[in-house]
Amino acid sequence: MTPEIIARPGFWNVPIWGIVSVYVIGFLAIIICALGVYKSYNLWRVGNPFSEPSDKAKRSKLFYWDD
């Protein structure tokens, strides 16, 4: 006699597009986190303090990507 395994399916009753979107959003979150860590590491390595511009448009651009 084999014992029954009690388990719950991971994505029960979720359409395939929902499953794919969970993995895509998770992958994008990992990439954004890695970019933030990379920016912080480069700033730390240089050793200079970070100064924010006073213009709101420049600050919002800096929030998304630092050129």
PDB file of N, CA and C in Angstrom:
ATOM      1  N   MET A   1       0.832  -1.169   0.000  1.00  0.00           N
ATOM      2  CA  MET A   1       0.000   0.000   0.000  1.00  0.00           C
ATOM      3  C   MET A   1       0.891   1.252   0.000  1.00  0.00           C
ATOM      4  N   THR A   2       0.646   2.187  -0.920  1.00  0.00           N
ATOM      5  CA  THR A   2       1.445   3.411  -0.999  1.00  0.00           C
ATOM      6  C   THR A   2       0.737   4.531  -0.230  1.00  0.00           C
ATOM      7  N   PRO A   3       1.496   5.313   0.495  1.00  0.00           N
ATOM      8  CA  PRO A   3       0.864   6.415   1.234  1.00  0.00           C
ATOM      9  C   PRO A   3       0.435   7.531   0.278  1.00  0.00           C
ATOM     10  N   GLU A   4      -0.666   8.147   0.577  1.00  0.00           N
ATOM     11  CA  GLU A   4      -1.134   9.262  -0.231  1.00  0.00           C
ATOM     12  C   GLU A   4      -0.394  10.532   0.165  1.00  0.00           C
ATOM     13  N   ILE A   5      -0.041  11.318  -0.819  1.00  0.00           N
ATOM     14  CA  ILE A   5       0.650  12.574  -0.573  1.00  0.00           C
ATOM     15  C   ILE A   5      -0.383  13.694  -0.641  1.00  0.00           C
ATOM     16  N   ILE A   6      -0.496  14.401   0.432  1.00  0.00           N
ATOM     17  CA  ILE A   6      -1.432  15.514   0.478  1.00  0.00           C
ATOM     18  C   ILE A   6      -0.675  16.766   0.047  1.00  0.00           C
ATOM     19  N   ALA A   7      -1.142  17.376  -1.016  1.00  0.00           N
ATOM     20  CA  ALA A   7      -0.465  18.564  -1.538  1.00  0.00           C
ATOM     21  C   ALA A   7      -1.495  19.527  -2.098  1.00  0.00           C
ATOM     22  N   ARG A   8      -1.086  20.747  -2.201  1.00  0.00           N
ATOM     23  CA  ARG A   8      -1.938  21.772  -2.784  1.00  0.00           C
ATOM     24  C   ARG A   8      -1.228  22.299  -4.028  1.00  0.00           C
ATOM     25  N   PRO A   9      -1.928  22.388  -5.159  1.00  0.00           N
ATOM     26  CA  PRO A   9      -1.279  22.910  -6.364  1.00  0.00           C
ATOM     27  C   PRO A   9      -0.871  24.376  -6.188  1.00  0.00           C
ATOM     28  N   GLY A  10       0.246  24.763  -6.801  1.00  0.00           N
ATOM     29  CA  GLY A  10       0.780  26.106  -6.636  1.00  0.00           C
ATOM     30  C   GLY A  10      -0.059  27.187  -7.285  1.00  0.00           C
ATOM     31  N   PHE A  11      -0.467  26.994  -8.494  1.00  0.00           N
ATOM     32  CA  PHE A  11      -1.231  28.008  -9.222  1.00  0.00           C
ATOM     33  C   PHE A  11      -2.578  27.436  -9.622  1.00  0.00           C
ATOM     34  N   TRP A  12      -3.335  26.985  -8.668  1.00  0.00           N
ATOM     35  CA  TRP A  12      -4.623  26.386  -8.954  1.00  0.00           C
ATOM     36  C   TRP A  12      -5.586  27.433  -9.477  1.00  0.00           C
ATOM     37  N   ASN A  13      -6.221  27.140 -10.589  1.00  0.00           N
ATOM     38  CA  ASN A  13      -7.273  27.969 -11.173  1.00  0.00           C
ATOM     39  C   ASN A  13      -6.788  29.366 -11.582  1.00  0.00           C
ATOM     40  N   VAL A  14      -5.500  29.506 -11.907  1.00  0.00           N
ATOM     41  CA  VAL A  14      -4.943  30.769 -12.387  1.00  0.00           C
ATOM     42  C   VAL A  14      -4.625  30.575 -13.866  1.00  0.00           C
ATOM     43  N   PRO A  15      -5.057  31.500 -14.736  1.00  0.00           N
ATOM     44  CA  PRO A  15      -4.766  31.347 -16.155  1.00  0.00           C
ATOM     45  C   PRO A  15      -3.267  31.456 -16.442  1.00  0.00           C
ATOM     46  N   ILE A  16      -2.863  30.955 -17.594  1.00  0.00           N
ATOM     47  CA  ILE A  16      -1.439  30.915 -17.941  1.00  0.00           C
ATOM     48  C   ILE A  16      -0.840  32.318 -17.997  1.00  0.00           C
ATOM     49  N   TRP A  17      -1.620  33.315 -18.443  1.00  0.00           N
ATOM     50  CA  TRP A  17      -1.077  34.673 -18.503  1.00  0.00           C
ATOM     51  C   TRP A  17      -0.793  35.216 -17.101  1.00  0.00           C
ATOM     52  N   GLY A  18      -1.560  34.768 -16.117  1.00  0.00           N
ATOM     53  CA  GLY A  18      -1.307  35.190 -14.745  1.00  0.00           C
ATOM     54  C   GLY A  18      -0.035  34.571 -14.191  1.00  0.00           C
ATOM     55  N   ILE A  19       0.179  33.316 -14.513  1.00  0.00           N
ATOM     56  CA  ILE A  19       1.392  32.629 -14.058  1.00  0.00           C
ATOM     57  C   ILE A  19       2.619  33.262 -14.689  1.00  0.00           C
ATOM     58  N   VAL A  20       2.544  33.500 -15.997  1.00  0.00           N
ATOM     59  CA  VAL A  20       3.680  34.113 -16.701  1.00  0.00           C
ATOM     60  C   VAL A  20       3.950  35.513 -16.168  1.00  0.00           C
ATOM     61  N   SER A  21       2.893  36.277 -15.903  1.00  0.00           N
ATOM     62  CA  SER A  21       3.098  37.641 -15.410  1.00  0.00           C
ATOM     63  C   SER A  21       3.743  37.655 -14.026  1.00  0.00           C
ATOM     64  N   VAL A  22       3.442  36.693 -13.191  1.00  0.00           N
ATOM     65  CA  VAL A  22       4.088  36.615 -11.874  1.00  0.00           C
ATOM     66  C   VAL A  22       5.594  36.435 -12.031  1.00  0.00           C
ATOM     67  N   TYR A  23       6.003  35.554 -12.935  1.00  0.00           N
ATOM     68  CA  TYR A  23       7.429  35.319 -13.145  1.00  0.00           C
ATOM     69  C   TYR A  23       8.108  36.502 -13.827  1.00  0.00           C
ATOM     70  N   VAL A  24       7.429  37.148 -14.771  1.00  0.00           N
ATOM     71  CA  VAL A  24       8.021  38.309 -15.450  1.00  0.00           C
ATOM     72  C   VAL A  24       8.205  39.460 -14.468  1.00  0.00           C
ATOM     73  N   ILE A  25       7.201  39.741 -13.659  1.00  0.00           N
ATOM     74  CA  ILE A  25       7.309  40.821 -12.669  1.00  0.00           C
ATOM     75  C   ILE A  25       8.396  40.506 -11.646  1.00  0.00           C
ATOM     76  N   GLY A  26       8.491  39.258 -11.240  1.00  0.00           N
ATOM     77  CA  GLY A  26       9.547  38.865 -10.307  1.00  0.00           C
ATOM     78  C   GLY A  26      10.934  39.040 -10.907  1.00  0.00           C
ATOM     79  N   PHE A  27      11.086  38.674 -12.174  1.00  0.00           N
ATOM     80  CA  PHE A  27      12.370  38.829 -12.849  1.00  0.00           C
ATOM     81  C   PHE A  27      12.734  40.308 -12.994  1.00  0.00           C
ATOM     82  N   LEU A  28      11.749  41.151 -13.338  1.00  0.00           N
ATOM     83  CA  LEU A  28      12.004  42.591 -13.441  1.00  0.00           C
ATOM     84  C   LEU A  28      12.383  43.181 -12.084  1.00  0.00           C
ATOM     85  N   ALA A  29      11.758  42.709 -11.028  1.00  0.00           N
ATOM     86  CA  ALA A  29      12.094  43.190  -9.686  1.00  0.00           C
ATOM     87  C   ALA A  29      13.528  42.833  -9.320  1.00  0.00           C
ATOM     88  N   ILE A  30      13.966  41.649  -9.704  1.00  0.00           N
ATOM     89  CA  ILE A  30      15.348  41.238  -9.443  1.00  0.00           C
ATOM     90  C   ILE A  30      16.318  42.116 -10.218  1.00  0.00           C
ATOM     91  N   ILE A  31      16.000  42.422 -11.481  1.00  0.00           N
ATOM     92  CA  ILE A  31      16.873  43.267 -12.295  1.00  0.00           C
ATOM     93  C   ILE A  31      16.954  44.684 -11.712  1.00  0.00           C
ATOM     94  N   ILE A  32      15.823  45.249 -11.307  1.00  0.00           N
ATOM     95  CA  ILE A  32      15.809  46.601 -10.742  1.00  0.00           C
ATOM     96  C   ILE A  32      16.595  46.636  -9.431  1.00  0.00           C
ATOM     97  N   CYS A  33      16.450  45.609  -8.628  1.00  0.00           N
ATOM     98  CA  CYS A  33      17.208  45.535  -7.375  1.00  0.00           C
ATOM     99  C   CYS A  33      18.707  45.436  -7.650  1.00  0.00           C
ATOM    100  N   ALA A  34      19.094  44.627  -8.637  1.00  0.00           N
ATOM    101  CA  ALA A  34      20.511  44.480  -8.973  1.00  0.00           C
ATOM    102  C   ALA A  34      21.090  45.793  -9.494  1.00  0.00           C
ATOM    103  N   LEU A  35      20.319  46.543 -10.283  1.00  0.00           N
ATOM    104  CA  LEU A  35      20.791  47.843 -10.760  1.00  0.00           C
ATOM    105  C   LEU A  35      20.976  48.821  -9.608  1.00  0.00           C
ATOM    106  N   GLY A  36      20.071  48.798  -8.646  1.00  0.00           N
ATOM    107  CA  GLY A  36      20.215  49.662  -7.480  1.00  0.00           C
ATOM    108  C   GLY A  36      21.437  49.322  -6.647  1.00  0.00           C
ATOM    109  N   VAL A  37      21.678  48.044  -6.472  1.00  0.00           N
ATOM    110  CA  VAL A  37      22.868  47.617  -5.736  1.00  0.00           C
ATOM    111  C   VAL A  37      24.127  48.028  -6.497  1.00  0.00           C
ATOM    112  N   TYR A  38      24.106  47.897  -7.819  1.00  0.00           N
ATOM    113  CA  TYR A  38      25.255  48.276  -8.647  1.00  0.00           C
ATOM    114  C   TYR A  38      25.524  49.777  -8.545  1.00  0.00           C
ATOM    115  N   LYS A  39      24.462  50.603  -8.605  1.00  0.00           N
ATOM    116  CA  LYS A  39      24.635  52.045  -8.469  1.00  0.00           C
ATOM    117  C   LYS A  39      25.197  52.400  -7.094  1.00  0.00           C
ATOM    118  N   SER A  40      24.682  51.772  -6.058  1.00  0.00           N
ATOM    119  CA  SER A  40      25.162  52.052  -4.707  1.00  0.00           C
ATOM    120  C   SER A  40      26.615  51.620  -4.531  1.00  0.00           C
ATOM    121  N   TYR A  41      26.973  50.487  -5.112  1.00  0.00           N
ATOM    122  CA  TYR A  41      28.346  50.001  -5.017  1.00  0.00           C
ATOM    123  C   TYR A  41      29.298  50.956  -5.722  1.00  0.00           C
ATOM    124  N   ASN A  42      28.913  51.424  -6.911  1.00  0.00           N
ATOM    125  CA  ASN A  42      29.777  52.364  -7.629  1.00  0.00           C
ATOM    126  C   ASN A  42      29.934  53.666  -6.862  1.00  0.00           C
ATOM    127  N   LEU A  43      28.871  54.149  -6.255  1.00  0.00           N
ATOM    128  CA  LEU A  43      28.940  55.368  -5.456  1.00  0.00           C
ATOM    129  C   LEU A  43      29.828  55.157  -4.231  1.00  0.00           C
ATOM    130  N   TRP A  44      29.705  54.019  -3.603  1.00  0.00           N
ATOM    131  CA  TRP A  44      30.526  53.712  -2.438  1.00  0.00           C
ATOM    132  C   TRP A  44      31.999  53.595  -2.828  1.00  0.00           C
ATOM    133  N   ARG A  45      32.264  52.996  -3.987  1.00  0.00           N
ATOM    134  CA  ARG A  45      33.635  52.784  -4.441  1.00  0.00           C
ATOM    135  C   ARG A  45      34.326  54.109  -4.746  1.00  0.00           C
ATOM    136  N   VAL A  46      33.597  55.068  -5.305  1.00  0.00           N
ATOM    137  CA  VAL A  46      34.177  56.369  -5.617  1.00  0.00           C
ATOM    138  C   VAL A  46      34.501  57.124  -4.330  1.00  0.00           C
ATOM    139  N   GLY A  47      33.622  57.027  -3.361  1.00  0.00           N
ATOM    140  CA  GLY A  47      33.876  57.643  -2.069  1.00  0.00           C
ATOM    141  C   GLY A  47      33.429  59.084  -1.966  1.00  0.00           C
ATOM    142  N   ASN A  48      32.719  59.600  -2.963  1.00  0.00           N
ATOM    143  CA  ASN A  48      32.221  60.969  -2.916  1.00  0.00           C
ATOM    144  C   ASN A  48      30.794  60.980  -2.402  1.00  0.00           C
ATOM    145  N   PRO A  49      30.402  62.030  -1.703  1.00  0.00           N
ATOM    146  CA  PRO A  49      29.010  62.102  -1.255  1.00  0.00           C
ATOM    147  C   PRO A  49      28.070  62.326  -2.436  1.00  0.00           C
ATOM    148  N   PHE A  50      26.870  61.855  -2.292  1.00  0.00           N
ATOM    149  CA  PHE A  50      25.859  61.969  -3.339  1.00  0.00           C
ATOM    150  C   PHE A  50      25.094  63.262  -3.143  1.00  0.00           C
ATOM    151  N   SER A  51      25.061  64.101  -4.175  1.00  0.00           N
ATOM    152  CA  SER A  51      24.314  65.356  -4.079  1.00  0.00           C
ATOM    153  C   SER A  51      23.149  65.308  -5.054  1.00  0.00           C
ATOM    154  N   GLU A  52      21.969  65.636  -4.557  1.00  0.00           N
ATOM    155  CA  GLU A  52      20.775  65.621  -5.388  1.00  0.00           C
ATOM    156  C   GLU A  52      20.556  66.997  -6.002  1.00  0.00           C
ATOM    157  N   PRO A  53      20.148  67.051  -7.272  1.00  0.00           N
ATOM    158  CA  PRO A  53      19.811  68.350  -7.858  1.00  0.00           C
ATOM    159  C   PRO A  53      18.527  68.901  -7.249  1.00  0.00           C
ATOM    160  N   SER A  54      18.398  70.223  -7.236  1.00  0.00           N
ATOM    161  CA  SER A  54      17.221  70.830  -6.626  1.00  0.00           C
ATOM    162  C   SER A  54      16.021  70.828  -7.558  1.00  0.00           C
ATOM    163  N   ASP A  55      16.232  70.668  -8.875  1.00  0.00           N
ATOM    164  CA  ASP A  55      15.137  70.645  -9.843  1.00  0.00           C
ATOM    165  C   ASP A  55      14.395  69.311  -9.746  1.00  0.00           C
ATOM    166  N   LYS A  56      13.067  69.379  -9.646  1.00  0.00           N
ATOM    167  CA  LYS A  56      12.265  68.171  -9.470  1.00  0.00           C
ATOM    168  C   LYS A  56      12.335  67.247 -10.683  1.00  0.00           C
ATOM    169  N   ALA A  57      12.379  67.801 -11.899  1.00  0.00           N
ATOM    170  CA  ALA A  57      12.450  66.985 -13.111  1.00  0.00           C
ATOM    171  C   ALA A  57      13.771  66.227 -13.176  1.00  0.00           C
ATOM    172  N   LYS A  58      14.855  66.880 -12.805  1.00  0.00           N
ATOM    173  CA  LYS A  58      16.158  66.212 -12.808  1.00  0.00           C
ATOM    174  C   LYS A  58      16.214  65.120 -11.742  1.00  0.00           C
ATOM    175  N   ARG A  59      15.603  65.390 -10.581  1.00  0.00           N
ATOM    176  CA  ARG A  59      15.579  64.373  -9.523  1.00  0.00           C
ATOM    177  C   ARG A  59      14.783  63.149  -9.941  1.00  0.00           C
ATOM    178  N   SER A  60      13.643  63.359 -10.623  1.00  0.00           N
ATOM    179  CA  SER A  60      12.844  62.206 -11.044  1.00  0.00           C
ATOM    180  C   SER A  60      13.570  61.414 -12.121  1.00  0.00           C
ATOM    181  N   LYS A  61      14.308  62.098 -12.996  1.00  0.00           N
ATOM    182  CA  LYS A  61      15.103  61.377 -13.990  1.00  0.00           C
ATOM    183  C   LYS A  61      16.203  60.588 -13.290  1.00  0.00           C
ATOM    184  N   LEU A  62      16.818  61.178 -12.287  1.00  0.00           N
ATOM    185  CA  LEU A  62      17.877  60.523 -11.536  1.00  0.00           C
ATOM    186  C   LEU A  62      17.343  59.309 -10.779  1.00  0.00           C
ATOM    187  N   PHE A  63      16.085  59.375 -10.359  1.00  0.00           N
ATOM    188  CA  PHE A  63      15.469  58.252  -9.656  1.00  0.00           C
ATOM    189  C   PHE A  63      15.395  57.017 -10.543  1.00  0.00           C
ATOM    190  N   TYR A  64      15.083  57.226 -11.824  1.00  0.00           N
ATOM    191  CA  TYR A  64      14.946  56.087 -12.720  1.00  0.00           C
ATOM    192  C   TYR A  64      16.277  55.649 -13.323  1.00  0.00           C
ATOM    193  N   TRP A  65      17.131  56.591 -13.679  1.00  0.00           N
ATOM    194  CA  TRP A  65      18.421  56.204 -14.256  1.00  0.00           C
ATOM    195  C   TRP A  65      19.396  57.349 -14.113  1.00  0.00           C
ATOM    196  N   ASP A  66      20.579  57.038 -13.674  1.00  0.00           N
ATOM    197  CA  ASP A  66      21.630  58.039 -13.472  1.00  0.00           C
ATOM    198  C   ASP A  66      22.591  57.976 -14.641  1.00  0.00           C
ATOM    199  N   ASP A  67      22.694  59.070 -15.397  1.00  0.00           N
ATOM    200  CA  ASP A  67      23.624  59.096 -16.537  1.00  0.00           C
ATOM    201  C   ASP A  67      24.890  59.821 -16.190  1.00  0.00           C
TER     202      ASP A  67
END
